[in-house]
Amino acid sequence: MRVLFMCTANSCRSILSEALFNHMAPAGFEAISAGSFPRGQVLPRSLTTLQRAGIATEGLSSKGNDAFAGNPPDIVITVCDKAAGEACPVYFGAALKAHWGLEDPSEVQGDETLIDAAFRATLAHIQKRCEAFFSLPFASLDRDGLQKALDRIGAL
């Protein structure tokens, strides 16, 4: 099963989601990420946060929708923060779609300790959702059941 995590810049939240999902994923699951307006580079603090958590960062890059053109995803999960008024990317393919909004830790103002804490909290939130995702009974879920489960996870 292929999961696409999308946000605007593809430099922080979707990158953290892609890397952590792949770190936790059993065989047969893969995540990629993309942005509607990719920044072109991953935020260094995103990479540092992942490395400190023992998660591989090789191959992570900020990219647009062309990154998956030849191999479309089964599920698309947007991670933008609608509460902050962000415009979430739109995916027009046949994939299941869910919204797992996350506050943008790169927007946090303050000292290094506060900013690092925001990045770690975001990664912990993603981990909680990935754990819920991987605990789903995929063999017994139809498309409708999976959609409902994805929506429930997004509310965690």
C-alpha atoms as a PDB file:
ATOM      1  CA  MET A   1       0.000   0.000   0.000  1.00  0.00           C
ATOM      2  CA  ARG A   2       1.392   3.350  -1.035  1.00  0.00           C
ATOM      3  CA  VAL A   3       0.614   6.447   1.057  1.00  0.00           C
ATOM      4  CA  LEU A   4       1.249  10.021  -0.070  1.00  0.00           C
ATOM      5  CA  PHE A   5       1.639  12.712   2.593  1.00  0.00           C
ATOM      6  CA  MET A   6       0.975  16.197   1.208  1.00  0.00           C
ATOM      7  CA  CYS A   7       1.371  19.713   2.505  1.00  0.00           C
ATOM      8  CA  THR A   8       2.209  23.032   0.968  1.00  0.00           C
ATOM      9  CA  ALA A   9       6.030  23.282   0.994  1.00  0.00           C
ATOM     10  CA  ASN A  10       6.985  19.603   1.489  1.00  0.00           C
ATOM     11  CA  SER A  11       9.801  20.646   3.791  1.00  0.00           C
ATOM     12  CA  CYS A  12       8.570  19.807   7.280  1.00  0.00           C
ATOM     13  CA  ARG A  13       5.300  18.051   8.229  1.00  0.00           C
ATOM     14  CA  SER A  14       4.935  15.873   5.139  1.00  0.00           C
ATOM     15  CA  ILE A  15       8.655  15.021   5.265  1.00  0.00           C
ATOM     16  CA  LEU A  16       8.431  14.060   8.953  1.00  0.00           C
ATOM     17  CA  SER A  17       5.365  11.945   8.128  1.00  0.00           C
ATOM     18  CA  GLU A  18       7.012  10.197   5.183  1.00  0.00           C
ATOM     19  CA  ALA A  19      10.169   9.355   7.114  1.00  0.00           C
ATOM     20  CA  LEU A  20       8.438   8.160  10.292  1.00  0.00           C
ATOM     21  CA  PHE A  21       5.830   6.135   8.376  1.00  0.00           C
ATOM     22  CA  ASN A  22       8.577   4.361   6.413  1.00  0.00           C
ATOM     23  CA  HIS A  23      10.573   3.826   9.605  1.00  0.00           C
ATOM     24  CA  MET A  24       7.597   2.082  11.231  1.00  0.00           C
ATOM     25  CA  ALA A  25       6.125   0.405   8.142  1.00  0.00           C
ATOM     26  CA  PRO A  26       5.896  -3.355   7.822  1.00  0.00           C
ATOM     27  CA  ALA A  27       6.576  -4.979   4.469  1.00  0.00           C
ATOM     28  CA  GLY A  28       4.100  -3.934   1.795  1.00  0.00           C
ATOM     29  CA  PHE A  29       3.694  -0.343   2.996  1.00  0.00           C
ATOM     30  CA  GLU A  30       5.507   2.692   1.627  1.00  0.00           C
ATOM     31  CA  ALA A  31       5.146   6.440   2.079  1.00  0.00           C
ATOM     32  CA  ILE A  32       6.152   9.283  -0.180  1.00  0.00           C
ATOM     33  CA  SER A  33       5.555  12.995   0.228  1.00  0.00           C
ATOM     34  CA  ALA A  34       4.969  16.009  -1.970  1.00  0.00           C
ATOM     35  CA  GLY A  35       3.923  19.630  -1.789  1.00  0.00           C
ATOM     36  CA  SER A  36       1.648  21.845  -3.823  1.00  0.00           C
ATOM     37  CA  PHE A  37       4.338  24.567  -3.746  1.00  0.00           C
ATOM     38  CA  PRO A  38       7.507  22.660  -2.816  1.00  0.00           C
ATOM     39  CA  ARG A  39      10.208  24.708  -1.118  1.00  0.00           C
ATOM     40  CA  GLY A  40      12.896  22.752  -2.956  1.00  0.00           C
ATOM     41  CA  GLN A  41      14.751  21.801   0.208  1.00  0.00           C
ATOM     42  CA  VAL A  42      13.916  20.036   3.441  1.00  0.00           C
ATOM     43  CA  LEU A  43      14.181  22.209   6.533  1.00  0.00           C
ATOM     44  CA  PRO A  44      17.417  21.330   8.323  1.00  0.00           C
ATOM     45  CA  ARG A  45      15.567  21.118  11.653  1.00  0.00           C
ATOM     46  CA  SER A  46      13.252  18.472  10.152  1.00  0.00           C
ATOM     47  CA  LEU A  47      16.286  16.360   9.289  1.00  0.00           C
ATOM     48  CA  THR A  48      17.905  16.945  12.681  1.00  0.00           C
ATOM     49  CA  THR A  49      14.678  15.976  14.471  1.00  0.00           C
ATOM     50  CA  LEU A  50      14.471  12.734  12.508  1.00  0.00           C
ATOM     51  CA  GLN A  51      18.147  11.905  13.037  1.00  0.00           C
ATOM     52  CA  ARG A  52      17.879  12.489  16.796  1.00  0.00           C
ATOM     53  CA  ALA A  53      14.941  10.064  16.825  1.00  0.00           C
ATOM     54  CA  GLY A  54      17.022   7.431  15.008  1.00  0.00           C
ATOM     55  CA  ILE A  55      15.059   7.736  11.764  1.00  0.00           C
ATOM     56  CA  ALA A  56      16.831   7.582   8.411  1.00  0.00           C
ATOM     57  CA  THR A  57      16.876  10.768   6.341  1.00  0.00           C
ATOM     58  CA  GLU A  58      18.593   9.518   3.191  1.00  0.00           C
ATOM     59  CA  GLY A  59      16.633  10.257   0.050  1.00  0.00           C
ATOM     60  CA  LEU A  60      14.287  12.804   1.626  1.00  0.00           C
ATOM     61  CA  SER A  61      13.698  15.786  -0.628  1.00  0.00           C
ATOM     62  CA  SER A  62      11.177  18.554  -1.158  1.00  0.00           C
ATOM     63  CA  LYS A  63       9.243  17.725  -4.308  1.00  0.00           C
ATOM     64  CA  GLY A  64       6.014  18.380  -6.150  1.00  0.00           C
ATOM     65  CA  ASN A  65       3.258  16.158  -7.504  1.00  0.00           C
ATOM     66  CA  ASP A  66       5.446  14.862 -10.320  1.00  0.00           C
ATOM     67  CA  ALA A  67       7.244  12.709  -7.715  1.00  0.00           C
ATOM     68  CA  PHE A  68       4.530  10.059  -7.895  1.00  0.00           C
ATOM     69  CA  ALA A  69       3.173  10.527 -11.419  1.00  0.00           C
ATOM     70  CA  GLY A  70       4.271   7.082 -12.617  1.00  0.00           C
ATOM     71  CA  ASN A  71       3.207   5.252  -9.454  1.00  0.00           C
ATOM     72  CA  PRO A  72       0.050   6.777  -7.949  1.00  0.00           C
ATOM     73  CA  PRO A  73      -0.731   6.370  -4.247  1.00  0.00           C
ATOM     74  CA  ASP A  74      -3.506   4.282  -2.729  1.00  0.00           C
ATOM     75  CA  ILE A  75      -4.067   6.827   0.048  1.00  0.00           C
ATOM     76  CA  VAL A  76      -3.438  10.583   0.130  1.00  0.00           C
ATOM     77  CA  ILE A  77      -3.138  12.252   3.523  1.00  0.00           C
ATOM     78  CA  THR A  78      -2.918  16.029   3.801  1.00  0.00           C
ATOM     79  CA  VAL A  79      -1.116  17.326   6.880  1.00  0.00           C
ATOM     80  CA  CYS A  80      -1.625  21.083   6.481  1.00  0.00           C
ATOM     81  CA  ASP A  81      -3.220  23.002   9.345  1.00  0.00           C
ATOM     82  CA  LYS A  82      -6.673  24.129   8.258  1.00  0.00           C
ATOM     83  CA  ALA A  83      -7.117  25.764  11.684  1.00  0.00           C
ATOM     84  CA  ALA A  84      -4.298  28.167  10.761  1.00  0.00           C
ATOM     85  CA  GLY A  85      -6.004  29.052   7.489  1.00  0.00           C
ATOM     86  CA  GLU A  86      -3.599  27.108   5.274  1.00  0.00           C
ATOM     87  CA  ALA A  87      -4.853  25.974   1.898  1.00  0.00           C
ATOM     88  CA  CYS A  88      -4.430  22.205   1.758  1.00  0.00           C
ATOM     89  CA  PRO A  89      -3.199  20.662  -1.474  1.00  0.00           C
ATOM     90  CA  VAL A  90      -5.760  18.908  -3.640  1.00  0.00           C
ATOM     91  CA  TYR A  91      -5.221  15.473  -5.178  1.00  0.00           C
ATOM     92  CA  PHE A  92      -7.532  14.543  -8.048  1.00  0.00           C
ATOM     93  CA  GLY A  93      -6.673  10.853  -8.432  1.00  0.00           C
ATOM     94  CA  ALA A  94      -8.745   7.863  -7.345  1.00  0.00           C
ATOM     95  CA  ALA A  95      -6.898   7.367  -4.037  1.00  0.00           C
ATOM     96  CA  LEU A  96      -8.652   7.459  -0.675  1.00  0.00           C
ATOM     97  CA  LYS A  97      -8.178  10.885   0.881  1.00  0.00           C
ATOM     98  CA  ALA A  98      -7.871  11.895   4.511  1.00  0.00           C
ATOM     99  CA  HIS A  99      -6.807  14.964   6.437  1.00  0.00           C
ATOM    100  CA  TRP A 100      -4.440  14.543   9.386  1.00  0.00           C
ATOM    101  CA  GLY A 101      -3.793  18.221  10.127  1.00  0.00           C
ATOM    102  CA  LEU A 102      -0.695  19.210  12.050  1.00  0.00           C
ATOM    103  CA  GLU A 103       0.400  22.576  13.357  1.00  0.00           C
ATOM    104  CA  ASP A 104       3.554  23.694  11.579  1.00  0.00           C
ATOM    105  CA  PRO A 105       6.464  23.481  14.033  1.00  0.00           C
ATOM    106  CA  SER A 106       8.573  25.647  11.724  1.00  0.00           C
ATOM    107  CA  GLU A 107       6.248  28.542  12.536  1.00  0.00           C
ATOM    108  CA  VAL A 108       7.000  28.374  16.273  1.00  0.00           C
ATOM    109  CA  GLN A 109       8.795  31.452  17.580  1.00  0.00           C
ATOM    110  CA  GLY A 110      11.100  31.394  20.573  1.00  0.00           C
ATOM    111  CA  ASP A 111      14.358  29.947  21.759  1.00  0.00           C
ATOM    112  CA  GLU A 112      15.956  26.736  20.505  1.00  0.00           C
ATOM    113  CA  THR A 113      14.450  24.680  23.330  1.00  0.00           C
ATOM    114  CA  LEU A 114      10.918  25.765  22.467  1.00  0.00           C
ATOM    115  CA  ILE A 115      11.391  25.178  18.740  1.00  0.00           C
ATOM    116  CA  ASP A 116      12.981  21.745  19.287  1.00  0.00           C
ATOM    117  CA  ALA A 117      10.091  20.833  21.574  1.00  0.00           C
ATOM    118  CA  ALA A 118       7.587  21.794  18.856  1.00  0.00           C
ATOM    119  CA  PHE A 119       9.332  19.558  16.308  1.00  0.00           C
ATOM    120  CA  ARG A 120       9.503  16.639  18.769  1.00  0.00           C
ATOM    121  CA  ALA A 121       5.816  17.086  19.644  1.00  0.00           C
ATOM    122  CA  THR A 122       4.891  17.039  15.948  1.00  0.00           C
ATOM    123  CA  LEU A 123       6.898  13.851  15.423  1.00  0.00           C
ATOM    124  CA  ALA A 124       5.189  12.276  18.468  1.00  0.00           C
ATOM    125  CA  HIS A 125       1.771  13.205  17.035  1.00  0.00           C
ATOM    126  CA  ILE A 126       2.684  11.604  13.709  1.00  0.00           C
ATOM    127  CA  GLN A 127       3.894   8.489  15.528  1.00  0.00           C
ATOM    128  CA  LYS A 128       0.585   8.168  17.387  1.00  0.00           C
ATOM    129  CA  ARG A 129      -1.304   8.317  14.095  1.00  0.00           C
ATOM    130  CA  CYS A 130       1.046   5.871  12.349  1.00  0.00           C
ATOM    131  CA  GLU A 131       0.654   3.405  15.225  1.00  0.00           C
ATOM    132  CA  ALA A 132      -3.128   3.647  14.861  1.00  0.00           C
ATOM    133  CA  PHE A 133      -2.824   3.208  11.091  1.00  0.00           C
ATOM    134  CA  PHE A 134      -0.621   0.115  11.307  1.00  0.00           C
ATOM    135  CA  SER A 135      -2.929  -1.468  13.874  1.00  0.00           C
ATOM    136  CA  LEU A 136      -5.880  -1.406  11.435  1.00  0.00           C
ATOM    137  CA  PRO A 137      -7.253  -4.789  10.330  1.00  0.00           C
ATOM    138  CA  PHE A 138      -6.513  -4.170   6.640  1.00  0.00           C
ATOM    139  CA  ALA A 139      -7.534  -7.673   5.550  1.00  0.00           C
ATOM    140  CA  SER A 140     -11.076  -7.127   6.797  1.00  0.00           C
ATOM    141  CA  LEU A 141     -11.571  -3.473   5.805  1.00  0.00           C
ATOM    142  CA  ASP A 142     -13.361  -2.525   2.619  1.00  0.00           C
ATOM    143  CA  ARG A 143     -12.781   0.872   0.997  1.00  0.00           C
ATOM    144  CA  ASP A 144     -15.544   2.526   3.022  1.00  0.00           C
ATOM    145  CA  GLY A 145     -14.289   1.042   6.290  1.00  0.00           C
ATOM    146  CA  LEU A 146     -10.752   2.165   5.559  1.00  0.00           C
ATOM    147  CA  GLN A 147     -11.968   5.689   4.783  1.00  0.00           C
ATOM    148  CA  LYS A 148     -13.796   5.860   8.117  1.00  0.00           C
ATOM    149  CA  ALA A 149     -10.714   4.566   9.944  1.00  0.00           C
ATOM    150  CA  LEU A 150      -8.481   7.133   8.236  1.00  0.00           C
ATOM    151  CA  ASP A 151     -10.873   9.907   9.252  1.00  0.00           C
ATOM    152  CA  ARG A 152     -10.883   8.672  12.874  1.00  0.00           C
ATOM    153  CA  ILE A 153      -7.091   8.608  12.948  1.00  0.00           C
ATOM    154  CA  GLY A 154      -7.021  12.173  11.649  1.00  0.00           C
ATOM    155  CA  ALA A 155      -8.985  13.243  14.720  1.00  0.00           C
ATOM    156  CA  LEU A 156      -6.363  11.796  17.107  1.00  0.00           C
END
